[in-house]
Amino acid sequence: MADPKPVLILTRPEPEARAFLADCEARIGTDIASVVSPILEIVPISAPVDLDRYETVIVTSGNAILHAPGPLSDRMVATVGQRTAELAAASGANGTCLGLTVDGFVENAELLKGPAIHIRGRHTRGALARRVSEKGVEVDEVVVYDQVDKPLSDTAREALLSGRAIVPVFSPRSAALVSANPAAPSTRVLAISPAAAATWASDGQVQIANQPDRDAMLDLVADCF
């Protein structure tokens, strides 16, 4: 008899996927049938930048902190997302969340001390640097990592067609890449934001998190079990 249990398909880069799975299992209180198949690989890009020129470093992801072009210790770091602020603080920075989304961050741009630099991945959305600059705060930007597409594993593709798949998607780009693969109509897609939901192009039932953050995604996963 086929296994009726849901299968959680995790497509974030390996460390983030494993950490999220562990938190899901802790929240639910049991092991979860899962497939880890990163749809993106994070590749560092050398970017010699003198961070001492800037009053504030802006980051929108933990990968930017990991691949920062210099130590962040004791620097003012403004983030999109509370989780990213916590990661910045763990690196020794003075991390402050100015919004859960880029739009929220831009609304609070008057709280920034300039000049600032946005350290980011090659693929980004929201035109943060331009929009903050338009509000009167000087912002440069530098790319410190690339997000390189990876194909889903055979196991992940089979799970998408099983009718039992639960697929958290944490960005519009990852949603678009994963949904380039066929999925069963009963696939449950858990989107971190309306923008991520909008780029899901395959079959499936899409739910959107109440807040664009990791805790809200954990809540969605827990509701599936």
N, C-alpha and C. Protein backbone atom coordinates (compact mmCIF):
# COMPACT_ATOMS: atom_id res chain seq x y z
N MET A 1 0.85 -1.20 0.00
CA MET A 1 0.00 0.00 0.00
C MET A 1 0.88 1.25 0.00
N ALA A 2 0.50 2.25 -0.78
CA ALA A 2 1.27 3.49 -0.86
C ALA A 2 1.23 4.22 0.48
N ASP A 3 2.32 4.88 0.80
CA ASP A 3 2.41 5.65 2.04
C ASP A 3 1.55 6.90 1.92
N PRO A 4 0.52 7.08 2.80
CA PRO A 4 -0.35 8.26 2.67
C PRO A 4 0.20 9.51 3.34
N LYS A 5 1.33 9.41 4.02
CA LYS A 5 1.83 10.55 4.77
C LYS A 5 2.32 11.66 3.83
N PRO A 6 2.16 12.91 4.27
CA PRO A 6 2.70 14.02 3.47
C PRO A 6 4.22 13.95 3.38
N VAL A 7 4.74 14.52 2.31
CA VAL A 7 6.19 14.60 2.11
C VAL A 7 6.55 16.08 1.97
N LEU A 8 7.45 16.54 2.83
CA LEU A 8 7.90 17.93 2.81
C LEU A 8 9.08 18.05 1.86
N ILE A 9 8.92 18.88 0.82
CA ILE A 9 10.00 19.09 -0.15
C ILE A 9 10.64 20.44 0.15
N LEU A 10 11.93 20.40 0.51
CA LEU A 10 12.65 21.59 0.92
C LEU A 10 13.68 21.94 -0.14
N THR A 11 13.58 23.15 -0.68
CA THR A 11 14.39 23.51 -1.84
C THR A 11 15.34 24.69 -1.56
N ARG A 12 15.44 25.09 -0.30
CA ARG A 12 16.42 26.13 0.04
C ARG A 12 17.83 25.54 -0.01
N PRO A 13 18.87 26.38 -0.04
CA PRO A 13 20.22 25.84 0.06
C PRO A 13 20.35 24.92 1.27
N GLU A 14 21.22 23.93 1.17
CA GLU A 14 21.26 22.82 2.13
C GLU A 14 21.25 23.23 3.61
N PRO A 15 22.11 24.14 4.07
CA PRO A 15 22.09 24.45 5.51
C PRO A 15 20.75 25.01 5.97
N GLU A 16 20.17 25.93 5.18
CA GLU A 16 18.88 26.51 5.57
C GLU A 16 17.77 25.47 5.53
N ALA A 17 17.82 24.58 4.52
CA ALA A 17 16.80 23.54 4.42
C ALA A 17 16.86 22.60 5.62
N ARG A 18 18.05 22.17 6.01
CA ARG A 18 18.19 21.26 7.14
C ARG A 18 17.75 21.92 8.45
N ALA A 19 18.12 23.20 8.61
CA ALA A 19 17.72 23.91 9.83
C ALA A 19 16.21 24.08 9.89
N PHE A 20 15.59 24.39 8.75
CA PHE A 20 14.13 24.55 8.73
C PHE A 20 13.44 23.22 9.01
N LEU A 21 13.95 22.13 8.45
CA LEU A 21 13.38 20.81 8.72
C LEU A 21 13.46 20.49 10.21
N ALA A 22 14.60 20.76 10.83
CA ALA A 22 14.74 20.48 12.27
C ALA A 22 13.73 21.28 13.08
N ASP A 23 13.52 22.54 12.71
CA ASP A 23 12.55 23.36 13.43
C ASP A 23 11.12 22.89 13.19
N CYS A 24 10.83 22.42 11.97
CA CYS A 24 9.50 21.86 11.69
C CYS A 24 9.25 20.64 12.56
N GLU A 25 10.22 19.75 12.64
CA GLU A 25 10.05 18.52 13.43
C GLU A 25 9.92 18.85 14.91
N ALA A 26 10.67 19.87 15.38
CA ALA A 26 10.54 20.28 16.77
C ALA A 26 9.15 20.86 17.04
N ARG A 27 8.64 21.64 16.09
CA ARG A 27 7.31 22.24 16.26
C ARG A 27 6.22 21.16 16.28
N ILE A 28 6.33 20.17 15.40
CA ILE A 28 5.30 19.15 15.29
C ILE A 28 5.48 18.05 16.34
N GLY A 29 6.71 17.83 16.75
CA GLY A 29 6.98 16.82 17.75
C GLY A 29 7.20 15.43 17.21
N THR A 30 7.53 15.31 15.92
CA THR A 30 7.79 14.01 15.33
C THR A 30 8.64 14.17 14.09
N ASP A 31 9.24 13.06 13.64
CA ASP A 31 9.98 13.11 12.38
C ASP A 31 9.03 13.31 11.21
N ILE A 32 9.52 13.95 10.16
CA ILE A 32 8.72 14.25 8.98
C ILE A 32 9.37 13.58 7.77
N ALA A 33 8.55 12.94 6.95
CA ALA A 33 9.05 12.45 5.67
C ALA A 33 9.43 13.66 4.82
N SER A 34 10.64 13.69 4.33
CA SER A 34 11.12 14.89 3.66
C SER A 34 12.08 14.56 2.53
N VAL A 35 12.20 15.52 1.61
CA VAL A 35 13.18 15.48 0.54
C VAL A 35 13.86 16.84 0.51
N VAL A 36 15.18 16.85 0.65
CA VAL A 36 15.94 18.09 0.54
C VAL A 36 16.61 18.13 -0.83
N SER A 37 16.21 19.11 -1.63
CA SER A 37 16.75 19.24 -2.99
C SER A 37 16.89 20.73 -3.31
N PRO A 38 18.01 21.34 -2.97
CA PRO A 38 18.17 22.79 -3.21
C PRO A 38 17.96 23.15 -4.68
N ILE A 39 17.18 24.20 -4.88
CA ILE A 39 16.93 24.68 -6.24
C ILE A 39 17.93 25.78 -6.61
N LEU A 40 18.69 26.25 -5.61
CA LEU A 40 19.70 27.29 -5.81
C LEU A 40 20.97 26.92 -5.07
N GLU A 41 22.09 27.30 -5.65
CA GLU A 41 23.38 27.18 -4.98
C GLU A 41 23.94 28.58 -4.77
N ILE A 42 24.36 28.88 -3.56
CA ILE A 42 24.92 30.19 -3.25
C ILE A 42 26.41 30.17 -3.54
N VAL A 43 26.84 31.04 -4.45
CA VAL A 43 28.23 31.09 -4.88
C VAL A 43 28.80 32.47 -4.54
N PRO A 44 29.82 32.54 -3.67
CA PRO A 44 30.38 33.84 -3.30
C PRO A 44 31.00 34.56 -4.50
N ILE A 45 30.92 35.88 -4.47
CA ILE A 45 31.55 36.73 -5.48
C ILE A 45 32.48 37.70 -4.76
N SER A 46 33.72 37.71 -5.18
CA SER A 46 34.68 38.62 -4.56
C SER A 46 34.29 40.06 -4.86
N ALA A 47 34.19 40.87 -3.81
CA ALA A 47 33.76 42.26 -3.98
C ALA A 47 34.54 43.13 -3.00
N PRO A 48 35.74 43.55 -3.38
CA PRO A 48 36.52 44.39 -2.46
C PRO A 48 35.84 45.74 -2.24
N VAL A 49 35.36 45.94 -1.03
CA VAL A 49 34.66 47.17 -0.67
C VAL A 49 35.18 47.64 0.68
N ASP A 50 35.39 48.93 0.82
CA ASP A 50 35.80 49.51 2.10
C ASP A 50 34.54 49.86 2.89
N LEU A 51 34.15 48.96 3.79
CA LEU A 51 32.93 49.21 4.56
C LEU A 51 33.08 50.40 5.50
N ASP A 52 34.31 50.80 5.79
CA ASP A 52 34.51 51.94 6.69
C ASP A 52 34.00 53.25 6.08
N ARG A 53 33.74 53.26 4.79
CA ARG A 53 33.19 54.45 4.14
C ARG A 53 31.72 54.68 4.50
N TYR A 54 31.09 53.68 5.09
CA TYR A 54 29.63 53.72 5.24
C TYR A 54 29.22 53.72 6.71
N GLU A 55 28.17 54.46 6.97
CA GLU A 55 27.60 54.49 8.32
C GLU A 55 26.74 53.26 8.59
N THR A 56 26.10 52.74 7.53
CA THR A 56 25.16 51.64 7.70
C THR A 56 25.35 50.62 6.59
N VAL A 57 25.28 49.35 6.95
CA VAL A 57 25.25 48.26 5.99
C VAL A 57 23.82 47.74 5.94
N ILE A 58 23.27 47.60 4.74
CA ILE A 58 21.92 47.08 4.55
C ILE A 58 22.01 45.66 4.03
N VAL A 59 21.26 44.74 4.67
CA VAL A 59 21.22 43.36 4.20
C VAL A 59 19.76 42.89 4.18
N THR A 60 19.47 42.03 3.23
CA THR A 60 18.12 41.48 3.10
C THR A 60 18.10 39.97 3.24
N SER A 61 19.26 39.36 3.50
CA SER A 61 19.29 37.91 3.66
C SER A 61 20.49 37.50 4.50
N GLY A 62 20.40 36.32 5.09
CA GLY A 62 21.53 35.79 5.84
C GLY A 62 22.73 35.51 4.97
N ASN A 63 22.51 35.21 3.70
CA ASN A 63 23.64 34.96 2.80
C ASN A 63 24.52 36.20 2.63
N ALA A 64 23.90 37.37 2.66
CA ALA A 64 24.68 38.60 2.57
C ALA A 64 25.57 38.77 3.79
N ILE A 65 25.08 38.37 4.94
CA ILE A 65 25.89 38.44 6.16
C ILE A 65 27.05 37.46 6.07
N LEU A 66 26.76 36.25 5.62
CA LEU A 66 27.79 35.22 5.51
C LEU A 66 28.90 35.61 4.54
N HIS A 67 28.52 36.31 3.46
CA HIS A 67 29.48 36.65 2.41
C HIS A 67 29.80 38.14 2.36
N ALA A 68 29.64 38.81 3.48
CA ALA A 68 29.94 40.25 3.54
C ALA A 68 31.40 40.49 3.17
N PRO A 69 31.67 41.61 2.52
CA PRO A 69 33.03 41.89 2.05
C PRO A 69 33.95 42.44 3.14
N GLY A 70 33.65 42.15 4.37
CA GLY A 70 34.46 42.60 5.49
C GLY A 70 33.73 42.29 6.79
N PRO A 71 34.42 42.39 7.93
CA PRO A 71 33.77 42.11 9.22
C PRO A 71 32.61 43.07 9.49
N LEU A 72 31.54 42.51 10.04
CA LEU A 72 30.38 43.32 10.41
C LEU A 72 30.36 43.66 11.89
N SER A 73 31.30 43.13 12.64
CA SER A 73 31.34 43.36 14.08
C SER A 73 31.35 44.85 14.40
N ASP A 74 30.41 45.23 15.29
CA ASP A 74 30.26 46.61 15.78
C ASP A 74 29.74 47.57 14.73
N ARG A 75 29.39 47.10 13.55
CA ARG A 75 28.82 47.99 12.53
C ARG A 75 27.30 48.08 12.69
N MET A 76 26.75 49.21 12.24
CA MET A 76 25.30 49.35 12.18
C MET A 76 24.79 48.62 10.94
N VAL A 77 23.95 47.61 11.16
CA VAL A 77 23.41 46.81 10.06
C VAL A 77 21.89 46.90 10.11
N ALA A 78 21.29 47.40 9.04
CA ALA A 78 19.83 47.50 8.92
C ALA A 78 19.34 46.38 8.02
N THR A 79 18.30 45.68 8.44
CA THR A 79 17.89 44.48 7.73
C THR A 79 16.43 44.51 7.31
N VAL A 80 16.14 43.70 6.32
CA VAL A 80 14.76 43.30 6.02
C VAL A 80 14.56 41.96 6.72
N GLY A 81 13.65 41.92 7.68
CA GLY A 81 13.35 40.69 8.39
C GLY A 81 14.03 40.61 9.75
N GLN A 82 13.27 40.17 10.75
CA GLN A 82 13.81 40.05 12.10
C GLN A 82 14.85 38.95 12.19
N ARG A 83 14.61 37.84 11.48
CA ARG A 83 15.58 36.74 11.50
C ARG A 83 16.94 37.21 10.99
N THR A 84 16.95 38.03 9.94
CA THR A 84 18.20 38.54 9.41
C THR A 84 18.87 39.47 10.41
N ALA A 85 18.09 40.25 11.14
CA ALA A 85 18.66 41.11 12.18
C ALA A 85 19.31 40.27 13.27
N GLU A 86 18.69 39.15 13.62
CA GLU A 86 19.26 38.27 14.64
C GLU A 86 20.57 37.66 14.15
N LEU A 87 20.63 37.29 12.87
CA LEU A 87 21.87 36.75 12.31
C LEU A 87 22.97 37.81 12.30
N ALA A 88 22.59 39.05 11.99
CA ALA A 88 23.57 40.14 12.01
C ALA A 88 24.10 40.34 13.43
N ALA A 89 23.21 40.31 14.41
CA ALA A 89 23.64 40.47 15.80
C ALA A 89 24.57 39.33 16.22
N ALA A 90 24.28 38.12 15.73
CA ALA A 90 25.12 36.96 16.06
C ALA A 90 26.53 37.12 15.49
N SER A 91 26.66 37.91 14.42
CA SER A 91 27.98 38.16 13.83
C SER A 91 28.71 39.30 14.52
N GLY A 92 28.08 39.89 15.54
CA GLY A 92 28.69 40.98 16.28
C GLY A 92 28.25 42.36 15.87
N ALA A 93 27.35 42.43 14.88
CA ALA A 93 26.87 43.73 14.40
C ALA A 93 25.76 44.28 15.29
N ASN A 94 25.48 45.56 15.12
CA ASN A 94 24.31 46.17 15.74
C ASN A 94 23.15 46.04 14.77
N GLY A 95 22.49 44.90 14.79
CA GLY A 95 21.45 44.59 13.80
C GLY A 95 20.10 45.14 14.19
N THR A 96 19.46 45.83 13.25
CA THR A 96 18.13 46.39 13.47
C THR A 96 17.25 46.09 12.28
N CYS A 97 16.10 45.50 12.53
CA CYS A 97 15.13 45.23 11.47
C CYS A 97 14.32 46.49 11.20
N LEU A 98 14.33 46.96 9.95
CA LEU A 98 13.55 48.14 9.59
C LEU A 98 12.29 47.79 8.79
N GLY A 99 12.01 46.51 8.63
CA GLY A 99 10.80 46.11 7.91
C GLY A 99 10.83 44.63 7.60
N LEU A 100 9.65 44.02 7.55
CA LEU A 100 9.57 42.60 7.21
C LEU A 100 9.67 42.36 5.72
N THR A 101 9.44 43.41 4.94
CA THR A 101 9.55 43.36 3.48
C THR A 101 10.36 44.56 3.00
N VAL A 102 10.75 44.53 1.73
CA VAL A 102 11.46 45.68 1.17
C VAL A 102 10.58 46.92 1.24
N ASP A 103 9.29 46.77 0.95
CA ASP A 103 8.39 47.92 1.02
C ASP A 103 8.38 48.52 2.43
N GLY A 104 8.30 47.65 3.45
CA GLY A 104 8.32 48.12 4.83
C GLY A 104 9.62 48.80 5.18
N PHE A 105 10.72 48.25 4.68
CA PHE A 105 12.04 48.85 4.92
C PHE A 105 12.09 50.26 4.32
N VAL A 106 11.63 50.40 3.09
CA VAL A 106 11.68 51.71 2.42
C VAL A 106 10.82 52.72 3.19
N GLU A 107 9.71 52.29 3.73
CA GLU A 107 8.86 53.19 4.51
C GLU A 107 9.59 53.76 5.72
N ASN A 108 10.56 52.99 6.24
CA ASN A 108 11.30 53.42 7.43
C ASN A 108 12.68 53.98 7.08
N ALA A 109 12.89 54.35 5.83
CA ALA A 109 14.21 54.77 5.36
C ALA A 109 14.73 55.99 6.12
N GLU A 110 13.85 56.81 6.67
CA GLU A 110 14.33 58.00 7.39
C GLU A 110 15.11 57.63 8.65
N LEU A 111 15.00 56.38 9.09
CA LEU A 111 15.74 55.95 10.28
C LEU A 111 17.18 55.56 9.96
N LEU A 112 17.52 55.49 8.69
CA LEU A 112 18.86 55.09 8.28
C LEU A 112 19.85 56.25 8.42
N LYS A 113 21.08 55.90 8.79
CA LYS A 113 22.18 56.85 8.75
C LYS A 113 22.98 56.60 7.47
N GLY A 114 23.15 57.64 6.67
CA GLY A 114 23.90 57.50 5.45
C GLY A 114 25.31 58.06 5.58
N PRO A 115 26.14 57.74 4.63
CA PRO A 115 25.87 56.87 3.48
C PRO A 115 25.74 55.41 3.92
N ALA A 116 25.01 54.65 3.10
CA ALA A 116 24.78 53.23 3.39
C ALA A 116 25.17 52.41 2.17
N ILE A 117 25.38 51.11 2.40
CA ILE A 117 25.66 50.20 1.29
C ILE A 117 24.79 48.96 1.45
N HIS A 118 24.14 48.59 0.38
CA HIS A 118 23.32 47.38 0.35
C HIS A 118 24.18 46.26 -0.20
N ILE A 119 24.52 45.26 0.62
CA ILE A 119 25.25 44.09 0.14
C ILE A 119 24.23 43.00 -0.14
N ARG A 120 24.28 42.42 -1.36
CA ARG A 120 23.17 41.60 -1.80
C ARG A 120 23.61 40.51 -2.77
N GLY A 121 22.65 39.67 -3.14
CA GLY A 121 22.86 38.67 -4.17
C GLY A 121 22.65 39.25 -5.55
N ARG A 122 23.09 38.49 -6.56
CA ARG A 122 22.94 38.96 -7.94
C ARG A 122 21.47 39.14 -8.31
N HIS A 123 20.64 38.23 -7.86
CA HIS A 123 19.21 38.28 -8.17
C HIS A 123 18.47 38.90 -6.98
N THR A 124 17.80 39.99 -7.22
CA THR A 124 17.09 40.67 -6.15
C THR A 124 15.84 41.33 -6.70
N ARG A 125 14.92 41.65 -5.81
CA ARG A 125 13.68 42.31 -6.20
C ARG A 125 13.48 43.53 -5.31
N GLY A 126 12.68 44.47 -5.78
CA GLY A 126 12.28 45.57 -4.93
C GLY A 126 13.06 46.86 -5.10
N ALA A 127 14.20 46.83 -5.83
CA ALA A 127 14.99 48.04 -6.10
C ALA A 127 15.25 48.84 -4.84
N LEU A 128 15.70 48.16 -3.79
CA LEU A 128 15.84 48.79 -2.47
C LEU A 128 16.77 50.00 -2.52
N ALA A 129 17.96 49.84 -3.08
CA ALA A 129 18.93 50.94 -3.07
C ALA A 129 18.39 52.18 -3.78
N ARG A 130 17.79 51.98 -4.94
CA ARG A 130 17.25 53.13 -5.69
C ARG A 130 16.14 53.81 -4.91
N ARG A 131 15.24 53.04 -4.34
CA ARG A 131 14.08 53.62 -3.66
C ARG A 131 14.48 54.35 -2.39
N VAL A 132 15.46 53.79 -1.65
CA VAL A 132 15.93 54.49 -0.44
C VAL A 132 16.68 55.75 -0.83
N SER A 133 17.48 55.69 -1.89
CA SER A 133 18.18 56.89 -2.36
C SER A 133 17.21 57.99 -2.74
N GLU A 134 16.09 57.61 -3.36
CA GLU A 134 15.07 58.59 -3.75
C GLU A 134 14.43 59.26 -2.54
N LYS A 135 14.57 58.64 -1.36
CA LYS A 135 14.03 59.24 -0.14
C LYS A 135 15.08 60.07 0.60
N GLY A 136 16.23 60.26 -0.03
CA GLY A 136 17.21 61.19 0.51
C GLY A 136 18.37 60.58 1.25
N VAL A 137 18.47 59.25 1.29
CA VAL A 137 19.60 58.59 1.96
C VAL A 137 20.51 58.00 0.88
N GLU A 138 21.77 58.41 0.87
CA GLU A 138 22.71 57.90 -0.13
C GLU A 138 22.96 56.42 0.09
N VAL A 139 22.70 55.60 -0.93
CA VAL A 139 22.89 54.15 -0.83
C VAL A 139 23.62 53.64 -2.06
N ASP A 140 24.77 53.02 -1.83
CA ASP A 140 25.45 52.24 -2.87
C ASP A 140 25.00 50.78 -2.73
N GLU A 141 25.36 49.96 -3.70
CA GLU A 141 25.08 48.53 -3.58
C GLU A 141 26.21 47.73 -4.20
N VAL A 142 26.39 46.52 -3.68
CA VAL A 142 27.43 45.64 -4.19
C VAL A 142 26.93 44.20 -4.12
N VAL A 143 27.23 43.43 -5.17
CA VAL A 143 26.83 42.03 -5.25
C VAL A 143 27.94 41.18 -4.65
N VAL A 144 27.60 40.38 -3.63
CA VAL A 144 28.60 39.57 -2.94
C VAL A 144 28.37 38.07 -3.10
N TYR A 145 27.27 37.69 -3.74
CA TYR A 145 27.05 36.27 -4.01
C TYR A 145 26.07 36.13 -5.17
N ASP A 146 26.13 34.98 -5.81
CA ASP A 146 25.20 34.64 -6.88
C ASP A 146 24.30 33.50 -6.40
N GLN A 147 23.10 33.44 -6.95
CA GLN A 147 22.17 32.35 -6.66
C GLN A 147 22.00 31.56 -7.95
N VAL A 148 22.76 30.48 -8.07
CA VAL A 148 22.84 29.71 -9.31
C VAL A 148 21.77 28.62 -9.32
N ASP A 149 21.02 28.55 -10.42
CA ASP A 149 19.96 27.54 -10.53
C ASP A 149 20.53 26.13 -10.44
N LYS A 150 19.76 25.25 -9.77
CA LYS A 150 20.09 23.83 -9.74
C LYS A 150 18.82 23.03 -10.09
N PRO A 151 18.95 21.92 -10.80
CA PRO A 151 17.76 21.10 -11.06
C PRO A 151 17.31 20.36 -9.81
N LEU A 152 16.02 20.13 -9.70
CA LEU A 152 15.53 19.28 -8.63
C LEU A 152 16.04 17.86 -8.82
N SER A 153 16.21 17.16 -7.73
CA SER A 153 16.60 15.75 -7.81
C SER A 153 15.44 14.92 -8.35
N ASP A 154 15.76 13.72 -8.83
CA ASP A 154 14.71 12.81 -9.30
C ASP A 154 13.72 12.52 -8.18
N THR A 155 14.22 12.36 -6.96
CA THR A 155 13.35 12.07 -5.82
C THR A 155 12.38 13.22 -5.57
N ALA A 156 12.87 14.45 -5.67
CA ALA A 156 12.00 15.61 -5.46
C ALA A 156 10.95 15.72 -6.55
N ARG A 157 11.35 15.47 -7.80
CA ARG A 157 10.37 15.54 -8.90
C ARG A 157 9.30 14.46 -8.74
N GLU A 158 9.70 13.28 -8.31
CA GLU A 158 8.71 12.23 -8.07
C GLU A 158 7.77 12.61 -6.94
N ALA A 159 8.32 13.22 -5.90
CA ALA A 159 7.48 13.63 -4.77
C ALA A 159 6.47 14.69 -5.17
N LEU A 160 6.87 15.61 -6.08
CA LEU A 160 5.92 16.63 -6.55
C LEU A 160 4.72 16.00 -7.25
N LEU A 161 4.92 14.84 -7.85
CA LEU A 161 3.84 14.17 -8.58
C LEU A 161 3.09 13.16 -7.73
N SER A 162 3.49 13.01 -6.47
CA SER A 162 2.93 11.95 -5.63
C SER A 162 1.53 12.25 -5.12
N GLY A 163 1.15 13.53 -5.14
CA GLY A 163 -0.12 13.91 -4.55
C GLY A 163 -0.04 14.14 -3.06
N ARG A 164 1.17 14.01 -2.47
CA ARG A 164 1.35 14.15 -1.02
C ARG A 164 2.32 15.26 -0.67
N ALA A 165 2.75 16.03 -1.66
CA ALA A 165 3.84 16.98 -1.44
C ALA A 165 3.37 18.25 -0.74
N ILE A 166 4.22 18.72 0.18
CA ILE A 166 4.09 20.03 0.80
C ILE A 166 5.36 20.79 0.45
N VAL A 167 5.21 21.97 -0.17
CA VAL A 167 6.37 22.67 -0.72
C VAL A 167 6.43 24.11 -0.20
N PRO A 168 7.23 24.38 0.82
CA PRO A 168 7.44 25.77 1.22
C PRO A 168 8.32 26.49 0.19
N VAL A 169 7.94 27.69 -0.19
CA VAL A 169 8.77 28.50 -1.10
C VAL A 169 9.01 29.85 -0.44
N PHE A 170 10.28 30.24 -0.39
CA PHE A 170 10.69 31.39 0.39
C PHE A 170 11.03 32.62 -0.44
N SER A 171 10.86 32.54 -1.75
CA SER A 171 11.12 33.71 -2.59
C SER A 171 10.40 33.53 -3.91
N PRO A 172 10.11 34.63 -4.61
CA PRO A 172 9.50 34.50 -5.94
C PRO A 172 10.35 33.70 -6.90
N ARG A 173 11.67 33.87 -6.84
CA ARG A 173 12.51 33.16 -7.80
C ARG A 173 12.52 31.66 -7.53
N SER A 174 12.62 31.26 -6.27
CA SER A 174 12.60 29.83 -5.99
C SER A 174 11.25 29.23 -6.33
N ALA A 175 10.17 29.97 -6.10
CA ALA A 175 8.84 29.46 -6.47
C ALA A 175 8.75 29.24 -7.97
N ALA A 176 9.27 30.18 -8.74
CA ALA A 176 9.23 30.03 -10.20
C ALA A 176 10.06 28.84 -10.66
N LEU A 177 11.24 28.66 -10.07
CA LEU A 177 12.11 27.57 -10.49
C LEU A 177 11.53 26.20 -10.12
N VAL A 178 11.01 26.08 -8.91
CA VAL A 178 10.43 24.80 -8.50
C VAL A 178 9.21 24.47 -9.34
N SER A 179 8.38 25.48 -9.60
CA SER A 179 7.13 25.22 -10.32
C SER A 179 7.33 25.04 -11.82
N ALA A 180 8.57 25.12 -12.29
CA ALA A 180 8.85 24.72 -13.67
C ALA A 180 8.76 23.21 -13.83
N ASN A 181 8.69 22.50 -12.70
CA ASN A 181 8.52 21.05 -12.69
C ASN A 181 7.05 20.70 -12.50
N PRO A 182 6.56 19.65 -13.17
CA PRO A 182 5.16 19.26 -12.99
C PRO A 182 4.85 18.87 -11.55
N ALA A 183 3.66 19.22 -11.11
CA ALA A 183 3.22 18.89 -9.75
C ALA A 183 1.79 18.39 -9.81
N ALA A 184 1.44 17.52 -8.86
CA ALA A 184 0.08 17.03 -8.77
C ALA A 184 -0.84 18.17 -8.31
N PRO A 185 -2.12 18.14 -8.73
CA PRO A 185 -3.04 19.20 -8.31
C PRO A 185 -3.20 19.32 -6.80
N SER A 186 -3.00 18.22 -6.06
CA SER A 186 -3.17 18.25 -4.61
C SER A 186 -1.92 18.74 -3.88
N THR A 187 -0.87 19.08 -4.60
CA THR A 187 0.34 19.61 -3.98
C THR A 187 0.00 20.86 -3.17
N ARG A 188 0.50 20.92 -1.93
CA ARG A 188 0.25 22.08 -1.07
C ARG A 188 1.49 22.98 -1.12
N VAL A 189 1.30 24.15 -1.66
CA VAL A 189 2.39 25.12 -1.83
C VAL A 189 2.24 26.18 -0.74
N LEU A 190 3.28 26.36 0.06
CA LEU A 190 3.26 27.31 1.17
C LEU A 190 4.18 28.47 0.81
N ALA A 191 3.60 29.61 0.50
CA ALA A 191 4.36 30.76 -0.01
C ALA A 191 4.59 31.78 1.10
N ILE A 192 5.82 32.29 1.17
CA ILE A 192 6.15 33.25 2.21
C ILE A 192 5.52 34.61 1.97
N SER A 193 5.10 34.90 0.74
CA SER A 193 4.57 36.22 0.41
C SER A 193 3.65 36.11 -0.80
N PRO A 194 2.80 37.11 -1.02
CA PRO A 194 1.99 37.12 -2.24
C PRO A 194 2.86 37.10 -3.50
N ALA A 195 4.02 37.76 -3.46
CA ALA A 195 4.90 37.75 -4.63
C ALA A 195 5.41 36.35 -4.94
N ALA A 196 5.74 35.58 -3.91
CA ALA A 196 6.17 34.20 -4.12
C ALA A 196 5.01 33.35 -4.64
N ALA A 197 3.83 33.58 -4.10
CA ALA A 197 2.66 32.83 -4.57
C ALA A 197 2.37 33.12 -6.03
N ALA A 198 2.56 34.38 -6.44
CA ALA A 198 2.22 34.78 -7.80
C ALA A 198 3.12 34.14 -8.84
N THR A 199 4.33 33.73 -8.45
CA THR A 199 5.24 33.16 -9.43
C THR A 199 5.16 31.64 -9.49
N TRP A 200 4.32 31.02 -8.65
CA TRP A 200 4.13 29.57 -8.74
C TRP A 200 3.33 29.27 -10.01
N ALA A 201 3.92 28.51 -10.93
CA ALA A 201 3.33 28.35 -12.27
C ALA A 201 2.82 26.94 -12.54
N SER A 202 2.97 26.02 -11.59
CA SER A 202 2.53 24.64 -11.81
C SER A 202 1.20 24.41 -11.09
N ASP A 203 0.72 23.15 -11.12
CA ASP A 203 -0.47 22.81 -10.36
C ASP A 203 -0.16 22.88 -8.87
N GLY A 204 -1.23 22.94 -8.08
CA GLY A 204 -1.06 22.96 -6.63
C GLY A 204 -2.03 23.91 -5.97
N GLN A 205 -2.15 23.75 -4.66
CA GLN A 205 -3.01 24.60 -3.84
C GLN A 205 -2.11 25.52 -3.04
N VAL A 206 -2.18 26.82 -3.33
CA VAL A 206 -1.23 27.77 -2.77
C VAL A 206 -1.81 28.47 -1.55
N GLN A 207 -1.06 28.44 -0.45
CA GLN A 207 -1.39 29.19 0.76
C GLN A 207 -0.29 30.21 1.01
N ILE A 208 -0.68 31.36 1.57
CA ILE A 208 0.28 32.44 1.82
C ILE A 208 0.41 32.65 3.32
N ALA A 209 1.64 32.78 3.79
CA ALA A 209 1.91 32.99 5.21
C ALA A 209 1.29 34.30 5.69
N ASN A 210 0.88 34.33 6.95
CA ASN A 210 0.29 35.54 7.52
C ASN A 210 1.29 36.68 7.62
N GLN A 211 2.55 36.33 7.82
CA GLN A 211 3.64 37.31 7.85
C GLN A 211 4.76 36.78 6.96
N PRO A 212 5.51 37.64 6.31
CA PRO A 212 6.59 37.16 5.43
C PRO A 212 7.84 36.81 6.23
N ASP A 213 7.72 35.81 7.11
CA ASP A 213 8.88 35.43 7.90
C ASP A 213 8.88 33.93 8.17
N ARG A 214 9.98 33.47 8.72
CA ARG A 214 10.22 32.04 8.93
C ARG A 214 9.23 31.43 9.91
N ASP A 215 8.91 32.15 10.98
CA ASP A 215 7.97 31.61 11.98
C ASP A 215 6.60 31.36 11.36
N ALA A 216 6.16 32.27 10.51
CA ALA A 216 4.86 32.08 9.86
C ALA A 216 4.89 30.89 8.91
N MET A 217 6.03 30.66 8.28
CA MET A 217 6.17 29.48 7.42
C MET A 217 6.15 28.20 8.26
N LEU A 218 6.76 28.23 9.42
CA LEU A 218 6.69 27.07 10.33
C LEU A 218 5.24 26.79 10.72
N ASP A 219 4.47 27.85 10.95
CA ASP A 219 3.05 27.67 11.29
C ASP A 219 2.31 26.98 10.15
N LEU A 220 2.58 27.40 8.91
CA LEU A 220 1.90 26.78 7.77
C LEU A 220 2.24 25.30 7.66
N VAL A 221 3.52 24.97 7.84
CA VAL A 221 3.91 23.56 7.77
C VAL A 221 3.22 22.76 8.87
N ALA A 222 3.23 23.30 10.09
CA ALA A 222 2.60 22.59 11.21
C ALA A 222 1.13 22.32 10.94
N ASP A 223 0.46 23.24 10.27
CA ASP A 223 -0.97 23.06 9.97
C ASP A 223 -1.21 21.92 8.97
N CYS A 224 -0.17 21.50 8.28
CA CYS A 224 -0.32 20.43 7.29
C CYS A 224 -0.18 19.03 7.89
N PHE A 225 0.21 18.96 9.17
CA PHE A 225 0.46 17.67 9.80
C PHE A 225 -0.48 17.43 10.98
